[in-house]
C-alpha atoms as a PDB file:
ATOM      1  CA  MET A   1      -0.020  -0.014   0.022  1.00  0.00           C
ATOM      2  CA  GLN A   2       1.351   3.056  -0.796  1.00  0.00           C
ATOM      3  CA  ARG A   3       0.695   5.736   2.136  1.00  0.00           C
ATOM      4  CA  PHE A   4       2.806   8.676   1.162  1.00  0.00           C
ATOM      5  CA  ARG A   5       3.466   9.726  -2.502  1.00  0.00           C
ATOM      6  CA  ASN A   6       5.952  12.572  -1.647  1.00  0.00           C
ATOM      7  CA  ILE A   7       8.241  12.915   1.620  1.00  0.00           C
ATOM      8  CA  LEU A   8      10.056  16.081   2.682  1.00  0.00           C
ATOM      9  CA  CYS A   9      13.190  15.346   5.092  1.00  0.00           C
ATOM     10  CA  TYR A  10      14.321  18.302   7.195  1.00  0.00           C
ATOM     11  CA  LEU A  11      18.011  18.369   7.984  1.00  0.00           C
ATOM     12  CA  ALA A  12      19.528  20.949  10.446  1.00  0.00           C
ATOM     13  CA  PRO A  13      22.668  23.134   9.484  1.00  0.00           C
ATOM     14  CA  GLY A  14      25.779  20.554   9.962  1.00  0.00           C
ATOM     15  CA  ASP A  15      23.554  18.089  10.214  1.00  0.00           C
ATOM     16  CA  ARG A  16      25.263  14.903   8.075  1.00  0.00           C
ATOM     17  CA  SER A  17      23.805  11.943   9.471  1.00  0.00           C
ATOM     18  CA  ASN A  18      20.662  11.120  12.175  1.00  0.00           C
ATOM     19  CA  GLY A  19      18.178   8.436  12.082  1.00  0.00           C
ATOM     20  CA  ALA A  20      15.602  10.644  10.370  1.00  0.00           C
ATOM     21  CA  LEU A  21      17.150  10.602   6.823  1.00  0.00           C
ATOM     22  CA  ASP A  22      17.593   7.253   7.252  1.00  0.00           C
ATOM     23  CA  GLN A  23      13.963   6.002   7.616  1.00  0.00           C
ATOM     24  CA  ALA A  24      13.364   8.957   4.836  1.00  0.00           C
ATOM     25  CA  PHE A  25      15.262   6.844   2.333  1.00  0.00           C
ATOM     26  CA  ALA A  26      13.165   3.792   3.406  1.00  0.00           C
ATOM     27  CA  LEU A  27      10.251   4.916   3.267  1.00  0.00           C
ATOM     28  CA  ALA A  28      10.925   6.494   0.599  1.00  0.00           C
ATOM     29  CA  ARG A  29      11.824   3.116  -1.345  1.00  0.00           C
ATOM     30  CA  SER A  30       9.012   1.311   0.250  1.00  0.00           C
ATOM     31  CA  ASN A  31       6.185   3.837  -0.790  1.00  0.00           C
ATOM     32  CA  ALA A  32       7.848   3.983  -4.381  1.00  0.00           C
ATOM     33  CA  CYS A  33       7.688   7.848  -4.485  1.00  0.00           C
ATOM     34  CA  PRO A  34      10.027  10.935  -4.706  1.00  0.00           C
ATOM     35  CA  LEU A  35      12.102  12.301  -1.762  1.00  0.00           C
ATOM     36  CA  LYS A  36      13.244  16.019  -1.100  1.00  0.00           C
ATOM     37  CA  LEU A  37      16.135  17.080   1.363  1.00  0.00           C
ATOM     38  CA  LEU A  38      15.511  20.482   2.916  1.00  0.00           C
ATOM     39  CA  GLY A  39      18.212  22.500   4.832  1.00  0.00           C
ATOM     40  CA  VAL A  40      17.067  25.919   6.076  1.00  0.00           C
ATOM     41  CA  VAL A  41      19.465  29.110   6.246  1.00  0.00           C
ATOM     42  CA  GLU A  42      18.120  31.486   8.898  1.00  0.00           C
ATOM     43  CA  PRO A  43      18.600  34.542   7.749  1.00  0.00           C
ATOM     44  CA  MET A  44      20.376  37.254   9.975  1.00  0.00           C
ATOM     45  CA  SER A  45      19.003  40.067  11.790  1.00  0.00           C
ATOM     46  CA  ARG A  46      19.372  43.428  11.237  1.00  0.00           C
ATOM     47  CA  LEU A  47      21.301  44.608  13.547  1.00  0.00           C
ATOM     48  CA  VAL A  48      24.045  41.597  13.200  1.00  0.00           C
ATOM     49  CA  ALA A  49      24.073  42.562   9.353  1.00  0.00           C
ATOM     50  CA  ARG A  50      24.348  46.310   9.889  1.00  0.00           C
ATOM     51  CA  ALA A  51      27.383  45.344  12.488  1.00  0.00           C
ATOM     52  CA  LEU A  52      28.883  43.154   9.493  1.00  0.00           C
ATOM     53  CA  PRO A  53      29.534  44.862   6.557  1.00  0.00           C
ATOM     54  CA  GLY A  54      30.255  40.901   4.773  1.00  0.00           C
ATOM     55  CA  SER A  55      27.377  39.097   6.343  1.00  0.00           C
ATOM     56  CA  ALA A  56      25.695  38.971   2.870  1.00  0.00           C
ATOM     57  CA  ASP A  57      28.539  37.074   1.853  1.00  0.00           C
ATOM     58  CA  LEU A  58      28.701  34.662   4.912  1.00  0.00           C
ATOM     59  CA  GLU A  59      25.254  33.789   4.163  1.00  0.00           C
ATOM     60  CA  GLY A  60      25.405  32.773   0.842  1.00  0.00           C
ATOM     61  CA  LEU A  61      28.646  30.782   2.101  1.00  0.00           C
ATOM     62  CA  LEU A  62      26.420  28.912   4.440  1.00  0.00           C
ATOM     63  CA  VAL A  63      24.007  28.274   1.690  1.00  0.00           C
ATOM     64  CA  GLU A  64      26.709  26.919  -0.635  1.00  0.00           C
ATOM     65  CA  ARG A  65      27.822  24.765   2.678  1.00  0.00           C
ATOM     66  CA  GLN A  66      24.186  23.748   3.468  1.00  0.00           C
ATOM     67  CA  GLN A  67      24.051  22.473  -0.377  1.00  0.00           C
ATOM     68  CA  GLY A  68      26.960  20.602  -0.422  1.00  0.00           C
ATOM     69  CA  ILE A  69      25.977  18.765   2.700  1.00  0.00           C
ATOM     70  CA  LEU A  70      22.654  17.958   1.124  1.00  0.00           C
ATOM     71  CA  ASP A  71      23.923  17.018  -2.624  1.00  0.00           C
ATOM     72  CA  GLU A  72      26.445  14.370  -0.417  1.00  0.00           C
ATOM     73  CA  LEU A  73      23.457  13.304   1.685  1.00  0.00           C
ATOM     74  CA  ALA A  74      21.323  12.452  -1.344  1.00  0.00           C
ATOM     75  CA  SER A  75      24.436  10.390  -3.131  1.00  0.00           C
ATOM     76  CA  ARG A  76      24.689   8.430  -0.202  1.00  0.00           C
ATOM     77  CA  PRO A  77      24.197   4.442  -0.853  1.00  0.00           C
ATOM     78  CA  GLU A  78      20.881   4.624   1.032  1.00  0.00           C
ATOM     79  CA  ALA A  79      19.281   6.540  -1.468  1.00  0.00           C
ATOM     80  CA  GLU A  80      20.021   4.203  -4.220  1.00  0.00           C
ATOM     81  CA  GLY A  81      16.576   3.673  -6.184  1.00  0.00           C
ATOM     82  CA  VAL A  82      15.551   6.725  -4.734  1.00  0.00           C
ATOM     83  CA  GLN A  83      14.486  10.113  -6.867  1.00  0.00           C
ATOM     84  CA  VAL A  84      16.199  12.554  -4.330  1.00  0.00           C
ATOM     85  CA  THR A  85      16.176  16.573  -4.958  1.00  0.00           C
ATOM     86  CA  THR A  86      17.481  18.979  -2.851  1.00  0.00           C
ATOM     87  CA  SER A  87      16.336  22.326  -1.652  1.00  0.00           C
ATOM     88  CA  ILE A  88      17.381  25.284   0.441  1.00  0.00           C
ATOM     89  CA  ARG A  89      16.051  27.985   2.040  1.00  0.00           C
ATOM     90  CA  ARG A  90      15.934  31.506   4.001  1.00  0.00           C
ATOM     91  CA  GLU A  91      13.812  31.338   6.668  1.00  0.00           C
ATOM     92  CA  ARG A  92      12.909  30.261   9.975  1.00  0.00           C
ATOM     93  CA  PRO A  93      13.033  26.867   9.751  1.00  0.00           C
ATOM     94  CA  PHE A  94       9.581  26.058  11.081  1.00  0.00           C
ATOM     95  CA  LEU A  95       8.629  28.730   8.351  1.00  0.00           C
ATOM     96  CA  GLY A  96      10.792  27.280   5.432  1.00  0.00           C
ATOM     97  CA  ILE A  97       9.531  23.711   6.242  1.00  0.00           C
ATOM     98  CA  ILE A  98       5.856  24.689   5.916  1.00  0.00           C
ATOM     99  CA  HIS A  99       6.299  26.717   3.106  1.00  0.00           C
ATOM    100  CA  GLU A 100       8.132  23.981   1.042  1.00  0.00           C
ATOM    101  CA  VAL A 101       4.988  22.115   2.104  1.00  0.00           C
ATOM    102  CA  ILE A 102       2.540  24.157   1.047  1.00  0.00           C
ATOM    103  CA  GLU A 103       4.754  24.601  -2.683  1.00  0.00           C
ATOM    104  CA  SER A 104       5.673  21.155  -3.040  1.00  0.00           C
ATOM    105  CA  GLY A 105       2.782  19.457  -2.021  1.00  0.00           C
ATOM    106  CA  HIS A 106       4.370  17.361   0.481  1.00  0.00           C
ATOM    107  CA  ASP A 107       2.220  15.144   2.303  1.00  0.00           C
ATOM    108  CA  LEU A 108       5.090  13.612   4.828  1.00  0.00           C
ATOM    109  CA  VAL A 109       7.528  15.803   7.197  1.00  0.00           C
ATOM    110  CA  VAL A 110      10.255  13.805   8.435  1.00  0.00           C
ATOM    111  CA  LYS A 111      12.551  15.640  10.791  1.00  0.00           C
ATOM    112  CA  SER A 112      14.947  14.506  14.003  1.00  0.00           C
ATOM    113  CA  ALA A 113      13.860  15.631  17.401  1.00  0.00           C
ATOM    114  CA  GLN A 114      16.220  18.566  18.592  1.00  0.00           C
ATOM    115  CA  GLY A 115      14.903  18.745  22.014  1.00  0.00           C
ATOM    116  CA  THR A 116      15.043  21.683  25.300  1.00  0.00           C
ATOM    117  CA  THR A 117      13.949  22.123  28.322  1.00  0.00           C
ATOM    118  CA  SER A 118      11.337  24.417  27.675  1.00  0.00           C
ATOM    119  CA  ALA A 119       9.639  22.859  24.244  1.00  0.00           C
ATOM    120  CA  GLY A 120      10.194  19.090  25.379  1.00  0.00           C
ATOM    121  CA  SER A 121      12.172  16.783  24.278  1.00  0.00           C
ATOM    122  CA  LEU A 122      11.171  17.133  20.679  1.00  0.00           C
ATOM    123  CA  GLY A 123      12.208  20.558  20.189  1.00  0.00           C
ATOM    124  CA  VAL A 124      10.654  24.104  19.498  1.00  0.00           C
ATOM    125  CA  THR A 125      11.190  23.904  15.454  1.00  0.00           C
ATOM    126  CA  ALA A 126       8.747  20.221  15.940  1.00  0.00           C
ATOM    127  CA  LEU A 127       5.985  21.655  18.066  1.00  0.00           C
ATOM    128  CA  ASN A 128       5.233  24.317  15.374  1.00  0.00           C
ATOM    129  CA  LEU A 129       5.442  22.258  12.870  1.00  0.00           C
ATOM    130  CA  MET A 130       2.773  19.847  14.456  1.00  0.00           C
ATOM    131  CA  ARG A 131       0.727  22.760  15.384  1.00  0.00           C
ATOM    132  CA  LYS A 132       0.648  24.524  11.912  1.00  0.00           C
ATOM    133  CA  CYS A 133       2.593  22.391   9.018  1.00  0.00           C
ATOM    134  CA  PRO A 134      -0.626  20.946   6.894  1.00  0.00           C
ATOM    135  CA  CYS A 135       0.504  17.386   6.337  1.00  0.00           C
ATOM    136  CA  PRO A 136       1.944  14.441   8.979  1.00  0.00           C
ATOM    137  CA  VAL A 137       5.076  15.149  10.995  1.00  0.00           C
ATOM    138  CA  TRP A 138       7.060  12.265  12.028  1.00  0.00           C
ATOM    139  CA  VAL A 139       9.861  13.421  14.683  1.00  0.00           C
ATOM    140  CA  ILE A 140      12.251  10.754  15.020  1.00  0.00           C
ATOM    141  CA  LYS A 141      14.649  10.502  18.468  1.00  0.00           C
ATOM    142  CA  PRO A 142      18.373  10.502  17.116  1.00  0.00           C
ATOM    143  CA  GLU A 143      19.339   7.285  19.411  1.00  0.00           C
ATOM    144  CA  SER A 144      16.712   5.197  16.951  1.00  0.00           C
ATOM    145  CA  THR A 145      17.440   1.977  16.043  1.00  0.00           C
ATOM    146  CA  GLY A 146      14.388   0.791  14.915  1.00  0.00           C
ATOM    147  CA  PHE A 147      10.135   1.139  15.230  1.00  0.00           C
ATOM    148  CA  ARG A 148       9.282  -2.973  16.398  1.00  0.00           C
ATOM    149  CA  ARG A 149       6.590  -1.186  18.785  1.00  0.00           C
ATOM    150  CA  ILE A 150       4.222   1.384  17.907  1.00  0.00           C
ATOM    151  CA  ILE A 151       1.433   2.953  19.387  1.00  0.00           C
ATOM    152  CA  ALA A 152      -1.962   4.574  17.913  1.00  0.00           C
ATOM    153  CA  ALA A 153      -3.578   7.117  20.284  1.00  0.00           C
ATOM    154  CA  VAL A 154      -7.280   7.305  19.468  1.00  0.00           C
ATOM    155  CA  ASP A 155     -10.621   8.867  20.833  1.00  0.00           C
ATOM    156  CA  PRO A 156     -13.397   6.385  18.882  1.00  0.00           C
ATOM    157  CA  LEU A 157     -16.198   7.969  21.379  1.00  0.00           C
ATOM    158  CA  THR A 158     -15.694  11.667  19.385  1.00  0.00           C
ATOM    159  CA  SER A 159     -19.100  12.978  18.180  1.00  0.00           C
ATOM    160  CA  ASP A 160     -16.988  15.461  16.228  1.00  0.00           C
ATOM    161  CA  GLU A 161     -16.925  14.771  12.105  1.00  0.00           C
ATOM    162  CA  LEU A 162     -13.647  16.008  11.781  1.00  0.00           C
ATOM    163  CA  GLN A 163     -12.124  14.457  15.018  1.00  0.00           C
ATOM    164  CA  ALA A 164     -14.365  10.773  13.562  1.00  0.00           C
ATOM    165  CA  ARG A 165     -12.097  11.157  10.304  1.00  0.00           C
ATOM    166  CA  LEU A 166      -8.979  12.098  12.250  1.00  0.00           C
ATOM    167  CA  GLN A 167      -9.048   8.612  14.233  1.00  0.00           C
ATOM    168  CA  ARG A 168      -9.556   6.736  11.211  1.00  0.00           C
ATOM    169  CA  ARG A 169      -6.735   8.561   9.474  1.00  0.00           C
ATOM    170  CA  ILE A 170      -4.625   8.303  12.374  1.00  0.00           C
ATOM    171  CA  LEU A 171      -4.892   4.359  11.998  1.00  0.00           C
ATOM    172  CA  GLU A 172      -4.262   4.458   8.618  1.00  0.00           C
ATOM    173  CA  VAL A 173      -1.202   5.308   8.649  1.00  0.00           C
ATOM    174  CA  ALA A 174      -0.250   3.666  11.701  1.00  0.00           C
ATOM    175  CA  THR A 175      -1.137   0.587  10.114  1.00  0.00           C
ATOM    176  CA  SER A 176       0.937   1.589   7.267  1.00  0.00           C
ATOM    177  CA  LEU A 177       3.797   2.299   9.489  1.00  0.00           C
ATOM    178  CA  ALA A 178       3.861  -0.867  11.456  1.00  0.00           C
ATOM    179  CA  SER A 179       3.514  -3.044   8.011  1.00  0.00           C
ATOM    180  CA  THR A 180       6.865  -1.438   6.097  1.00  0.00           C
ATOM    181  CA  HIS A 181       8.570  -2.252   9.511  1.00  0.00           C
ATOM    182  CA  GLU A 182       6.958  -5.599  11.081  1.00  0.00           C
ATOM    183  CA  ALA A 183       6.344  -3.853  14.059  1.00  0.00           C
ATOM    184  CA  GLN A 184       3.667  -4.558  16.589  1.00  0.00           C
ATOM    185  CA  LEU A 185       0.678  -1.931  17.045  1.00  0.00           C
ATOM    186  CA  SER A 186      -1.303  -1.187  19.990  1.00  0.00           C
ATOM    187  CA  VAL A 187      -4.398   0.929  19.784  1.00  0.00           C
ATOM    188  CA  VAL A 188      -4.364   3.232  22.797  1.00  0.00           C
ATOM    189  CA  HIS A 189      -7.601   5.220  23.739  1.00  0.00           C
ATOM    190  CA  ALA A 190      -8.158   6.572  27.270  1.00  0.00           C
ATOM    191  CA  TRP A 191     -11.248   6.915  28.551  1.00  0.00           C
ATOM    192  CA  ASP A 192     -13.186   7.824  31.723  1.00  0.00           C
ATOM    193  CA  LEU A 193     -16.895   8.653  33.358  1.00  0.00           C
ATOM    194  CA  PRO A 194     -17.528  12.095  32.541  1.00  0.00           C
ATOM    195  CA  GLY A 195     -17.925  13.591  36.293  1.00  0.00           C
ATOM    196  CA  GLU A 196     -17.365  10.412  38.103  1.00  0.00           C
ATOM    197  CA  SER A 197     -15.343  12.464  40.922  1.00  0.00           C
ATOM    198  CA  LEU A 198     -18.863  14.481  41.384  1.00  0.00           C
ATOM    199  CA  LEU A 199     -21.382  11.308  40.684  1.00  0.00           C
ATOM    200  CA  ARG A 200     -19.177   9.397  43.824  1.00  0.00           C
ATOM    201  CA  ASN A 201     -21.229  11.626  46.382  1.00  0.00           C
ATOM    202  CA  ARG A 202     -24.891  11.431  44.462  1.00  0.00           C
ATOM    203  CA  MET A 203     -24.966   7.771  43.458  1.00  0.00           C
ATOM    204  CA  ASN A 204     -24.669   4.577  45.830  1.00  0.00           C
ATOM    205  CA  PRO A 205     -21.612   2.818  44.673  1.00  0.00           C
ATOM    206  CA  ASN A 206     -23.144  -0.157  42.920  1.00  0.00           C
ATOM    207  CA  GLU A 207     -24.662   2.471  40.359  1.00  0.00           C
ATOM    208  CA  LEU A 208     -21.568   4.166  39.830  1.00  0.00           C
ATOM    209  CA  GLU A 209     -19.413   0.711  39.303  1.00  0.00           C
ATOM    210  CA  GLN A 210     -22.423  -0.123  36.937  1.00  0.00           C
ATOM    211  CA  ALA A 211     -22.145   3.342  35.249  1.00  0.00           C
ATOM    212  CA  VAL A 212     -18.266   2.907  34.762  1.00  0.00           C
ATOM    213  CA  ASP A 213     -18.333  -0.406  33.603  1.00  0.00           C
ATOM    214  CA  ALA A 214     -21.212   0.697  30.460  1.00  0.00           C
ATOM    215  CA  GLN A 215     -18.635   3.558  30.297  1.00  0.00           C
ATOM    216  CA  ARG A 216     -15.436   1.458  29.575  1.00  0.00           C
ATOM    217  CA  ALA A 217     -18.000  -1.366  27.563  1.00  0.00           C
ATOM    218  CA  GLN A 218     -18.872   1.274  25.015  1.00  0.00           C
ATOM    219  CA  ALA A 219     -15.304   2.629  24.692  1.00  0.00           C
ATOM    220  CA  LEU A 220     -14.432  -0.991  23.821  1.00  0.00           C
ATOM    221  CA  GLU A 221     -17.015  -1.151  21.724  1.00  0.00           C
ATOM    222  CA  GLY A 222     -16.568   2.296  19.905  1.00  0.00           C
ATOM    223  CA  SER A 223     -12.810   0.891  19.526  1.00  0.00           C
ATOM    224  CA  LYS A 224     -13.619  -1.853  18.004  1.00  0.00           C
ATOM    225  CA  VAL A 225     -15.980  -0.415  15.272  1.00  0.00           C
ATOM    226  CA  LEU A 226     -13.069   2.123  14.386  1.00  0.00           C
ATOM    227  CA  VAL A 227     -10.644  -0.745  13.917  1.00  0.00           C
ATOM    228  CA  GLU A 228     -12.883  -2.290  11.083  1.00  0.00           C
ATOM    229  CA  GLY A 229     -11.751  -3.401   7.821  1.00  0.00           C
ATOM    230  CA  LEU A 230      -7.707  -2.406   9.535  1.00  0.00           C
ATOM    231  CA  PRO A 231      -5.348  -4.580   9.681  1.00  0.00           C
ATOM    232  CA  VAL A 232      -5.369  -4.336  13.621  1.00  0.00           C
ATOM    233  CA  ASP A 233      -5.982  -7.182  16.167  1.00  0.00           C
ATOM    234  CA  PRO A 234      -8.893  -6.215  18.561  1.00  0.00           C
ATOM    235  CA  ASP A 235      -6.500  -8.092  21.123  1.00  0.00           C
ATOM    236  CA  SER A 236      -4.157  -5.163  20.517  1.00  0.00           C
ATOM    237  CA  ILE A 237      -6.883  -2.524  21.914  1.00  0.00           C
ATOM    238  CA  THR A 238      -5.584  -0.913  25.433  1.00  0.00           C
ATOM    239  CA  LEU A 239      -8.377   1.050  27.405  1.00  0.00           C
ATOM    240  CA  ILE A 240      -6.696   3.367  29.974  1.00  0.00           C
ATOM    241  CA  LYS A 241      -8.698   4.759  32.595  1.00  0.00           C
ATOM    242  CA  GLY A 242      -8.085   8.531  33.294  1.00  0.00           C
ATOM    243  CA  LEU A 243      -8.205  11.996  31.677  1.00  0.00           C
ATOM    244  CA  PRO A 244      -6.162  11.631  28.336  1.00  0.00           C
ATOM    245  CA  GLY A 245      -3.450  13.551  28.819  1.00  0.00           C
ATOM    246  CA  GLN A 246      -2.378  12.015  32.169  1.00  0.00           C
ATOM    247  CA  ALA A 247      -3.312   8.599  31.285  1.00  0.00           C
ATOM    248  CA  ILE A 248      -1.715   8.700  28.076  1.00  0.00           C
ATOM    249  CA  THR A 249       1.378  10.266  29.256  1.00  0.00           C
ATOM    250  CA  SER A 250       1.887   7.567  32.222  1.00  0.00           C
ATOM    251  CA  HIS A 251       0.927   4.805  30.018  1.00  0.00           C
ATOM    252  CA  LEU A 252       3.836   5.509  27.519  1.00  0.00           C
ATOM    253  CA  GLU A 253       6.497   6.136  29.806  1.00  0.00           C
ATOM    254  CA  GLN A 254       5.869   2.460  31.422  1.00  0.00           C
ATOM    255  CA  SER A 255       5.845   1.148  28.108  1.00  0.00           C
ATOM    256  CA  ASP A 256       8.686  -0.060  25.724  1.00  0.00           C
ATOM    257  CA  VAL A 257       7.398   2.160  22.812  1.00  0.00           C
ATOM    258  CA  ASP A 258       9.354   3.345  19.331  1.00  0.00           C
ATOM    259  CA  LEU A 259       6.981   5.519  18.301  1.00  0.00           C
ATOM    260  CA  VAL A 260       3.600   7.084  18.957  1.00  0.00           C
ATOM    261  CA  VAL A 261       1.080   8.015  16.271  1.00  0.00           C
ATOM    262  CA  MET A 262      -1.467  10.567  17.331  1.00  0.00           C
ATOM    263  CA  GLY A 263      -3.493  13.620  16.245  1.00  0.00           C
ATOM    264  CA  THR A 264      -4.171  17.063  16.380  1.00  0.00           C
ATOM    265  CA  LEU A 265      -6.396  19.454  16.061  1.00  0.00           C
ATOM    266  CA  SER A 266      -8.230  22.706  17.185  1.00  0.00           C
ATOM    267  CA  ARG A 267     -11.202  22.943  18.681  1.00  0.00           C
ATOM    268  CA  SER A 268     -11.261  26.154  19.307  1.00  0.00           C
ATOM    269  CA  GLY A 269     -11.536  27.920  16.236  1.00  0.00           C
ATOM    270  CA  VAL A 270      -8.056  29.423  16.303  1.00  0.00           C
ATOM    271  CA  PRO A 271      -6.045  28.138  13.811  1.00  0.00           C
ATOM    272  CA  GLY A 272      -2.707  26.354  15.278  1.00  0.00           C
ATOM    273  CA  LEU A 273      -3.886  25.106  18.642  1.00  0.00           C
ATOM    274  CA  PHE A 274      -4.004  21.601  20.129  1.00  0.00           C
ATOM    275  CA  ILE A 275      -6.751  19.845  21.391  1.00  0.00           C
ATOM    276  CA  GLY A 276      -7.128  21.480  25.076  1.00  0.00           C
ATOM    277  CA  ASN A 277      -3.677  20.693  26.891  1.00  0.00           C
ATOM    278  CA  THR A 278      -3.880  17.062  25.857  1.00  0.00           C
ATOM    279  CA  ALA A 279      -1.705  16.888  22.715  1.00  0.00           C
ATOM    280  CA  GLU A 280       0.296  19.498  24.015  1.00  0.00           C
ATOM    281  CA  ARG A 281       0.947  17.809  27.475  1.00  0.00           C
ATOM    282  CA  VAL A 282       1.590  14.370  25.597  1.00  0.00           C
ATOM    283  CA  LEU A 283       3.947  15.504  23.175  1.00  0.00           C
ATOM    284  CA  LYS A 284       6.134  17.973  25.537  1.00  0.00           C
ATOM    285  CA  GLU A 285       6.512  14.727  27.826  1.00  0.00           C
ATOM    286  CA  LEU A 286       7.250  12.081  25.304  1.00  0.00           C
ATOM    287  CA  HIS A 287      10.571  10.199  24.863  1.00  0.00           C
ATOM    288  CA  CYS A 288      10.039   8.565  21.938  1.00  0.00           C
ATOM    289  CA  SER A 289       9.846   9.534  18.271  1.00  0.00           C
ATOM    290  CA  VAL A 290       6.419  10.578  17.185  1.00  0.00           C
ATOM    291  CA  LEU A 291       4.061  11.218  14.483  1.00  0.00           C
ATOM    292  CA  THR A 292       1.424  13.667  14.188  1.00  0.00           C
ATOM    293  CA  VAL A 293      -1.817  13.612  11.798  1.00  0.00           C
ATOM    294  CA  LYS A 294      -4.368  16.549  11.295  1.00  0.00           C
ATOM    295  CA  PRO A 295      -7.611  16.219   9.242  1.00  0.00           C
ATOM    296  CA  ASP A 296      -7.421  16.305   5.111  1.00  0.00           C
ATOM    297  CA  ASP A 297      -8.967  19.945   5.269  1.00  0.00           C
ATOM    298  CA  PHE A 298      -7.004  21.320   7.928  1.00  0.00           C
ATOM    299  CA  VAL A 299      -5.355  25.020   6.561  1.00  0.00           C
ATOM    300  CA  SER A 300      -2.239  25.933   8.034  1.00  0.00           C
ATOM    301  CA  PRO A 301      -2.708  29.404   9.704  1.00  0.00           C
ATOM    302  CA  VAL A 302       0.973  29.897   8.333  1.00  0.00           C
ATOM    303  CA  ALA A 303       0.880  32.978   5.412  1.00  0.00           C
ATOM    304  CA  PRO A 304       2.191  32.287   1.753  1.00  0.00           C
ATOM    305  CA  PRO A 305       5.831  32.724   1.095  1.00  0.00           C
ATOM    306  CA  VAL A 306       7.391  35.993   0.382  1.00  0.00           C
ATOM    307  CA  THR A 307       9.627  36.878  -2.084  1.00  0.00           C
ATOM    308  CA  GLY A 308      13.390  34.858  -1.231  1.00  0.00           C
ATOM    309  CA  LEU A 309      15.981  32.468  -2.625  1.00  0.00           C
ATOM    310  CA  ARG A 310      15.071  29.122  -3.130  1.00  0.00           C
ATOM    311  CA  SER A 311      17.530  26.679  -4.607  1.00  0.00           C
ATOM    312  CA  GLU A 312      17.472  23.543  -5.694  1.00  0.00           C
ATOM    313  CA  SER A 313      19.007  19.944  -7.274  1.00  0.00           C
ATOM    314  CA  VAL A 314      18.046  17.084  -8.234  1.00  0.00           C
ATOM    315  CA  MET A 315      19.896  14.059  -7.534  1.00  0.00           C
ATOM    316  CA  GLY A 316      18.824  10.440 -10.100  1.00  0.00           C
ATOM    317  CA  ALA A 317      17.925   7.343  -8.970  1.00  0.00           C
ATOM    318  CA  ASP A 318      21.420   6.170  -9.424  1.00  0.00           C
ATOM    319  CA  GLY A 319      22.988   9.330  -7.054  1.00  0.00           C
ATOM    320  CA  ALA A 320      24.118  10.911  -9.948  1.00  0.00           C
ATOM    321  CA  PRO A 321      23.713  14.851  -9.697  1.00  0.00           C
ATOM    322  CA  GLY A 322      21.358  16.459 -12.101  1.00  0.00           C
ATOM    323  CA  ASP A 323      20.370  20.059 -12.957  1.00  0.00           C
ATOM    324  CA  THR A 324      20.804  22.704 -10.295  1.00  0.00           C
ATOM    325  CA  SER A 325      18.468  25.965 -10.058  1.00  0.00           C
ATOM    326  CA  ALA A 326      18.413  28.952  -8.352  1.00  0.00           C
ATOM    327  CA  GLN A 327      15.066  30.878  -8.563  1.00  0.00           C
ATOM    328  CA  ALA A 328      13.169  33.747  -6.951  1.00  0.00           C
ATOM    329  CA  LYS A 329       9.854  32.484  -4.590  1.00  0.00           C
END
């Protein structure tokens, strides 16, 4: 099954080798689709430009150096059989990535995690992409050696149509990756009885227990319906009792999981926001690789790209360099 048709792999300046690149090559090969390697050189601030008369030349050298690195990576043995192109943008990293996705129609972004304390273990750029990039974003831990166990975090009981479609898409992506990596897939749903703490003071224990059991049964049945028609073993469904953010985070901390596939979607009407604090909390506390998915009709709040230098080069499937072009965008 061809899940992806146009993959983009972002490489930070100076990054010559990481697990994200290896996975991007492997995924492009298994999906028989093209792969683009993207480098982003962040423009110098006006203050720095004034203080350094030769800053324009320095920026040009940085672009040239990054282009050389990308071309070298594009000709690695791992790229054999893959049509690889490279591109350089002069913008802030997350803006450059999103603009490249919008302009070239990429349906997956792959990048390495580069965490900071304030943004969690994934990094600022990754969180911005997960909020605002229109296509799925796969952030891979540098130390990842493979994906033996994958978890798909879903909410089968949602009554929102957008959310319902998103849950199915999460599973479609997760099952595709599980097949590619011959990995074990678990479907996880965090559930609770709404208002349970309040009901404890208003219902007798037996009635409350029956209500909790009924809610759990509904969660299990909803999960089984959600996975129908997909290569998912019903026995792989795991129900976790508790608030989603806390329950999922705690479950992942106790599980030997390599990759989490989950959704991000705003209910607030403000573009680029997560569903309350649930996804935000989970993502900031993750210590494994993660792939986030948005609905098909998600529209990025990022403005169209402004005019700037964008250079591209093409590597043939045999690894031989092709044409190189620079164009104003």
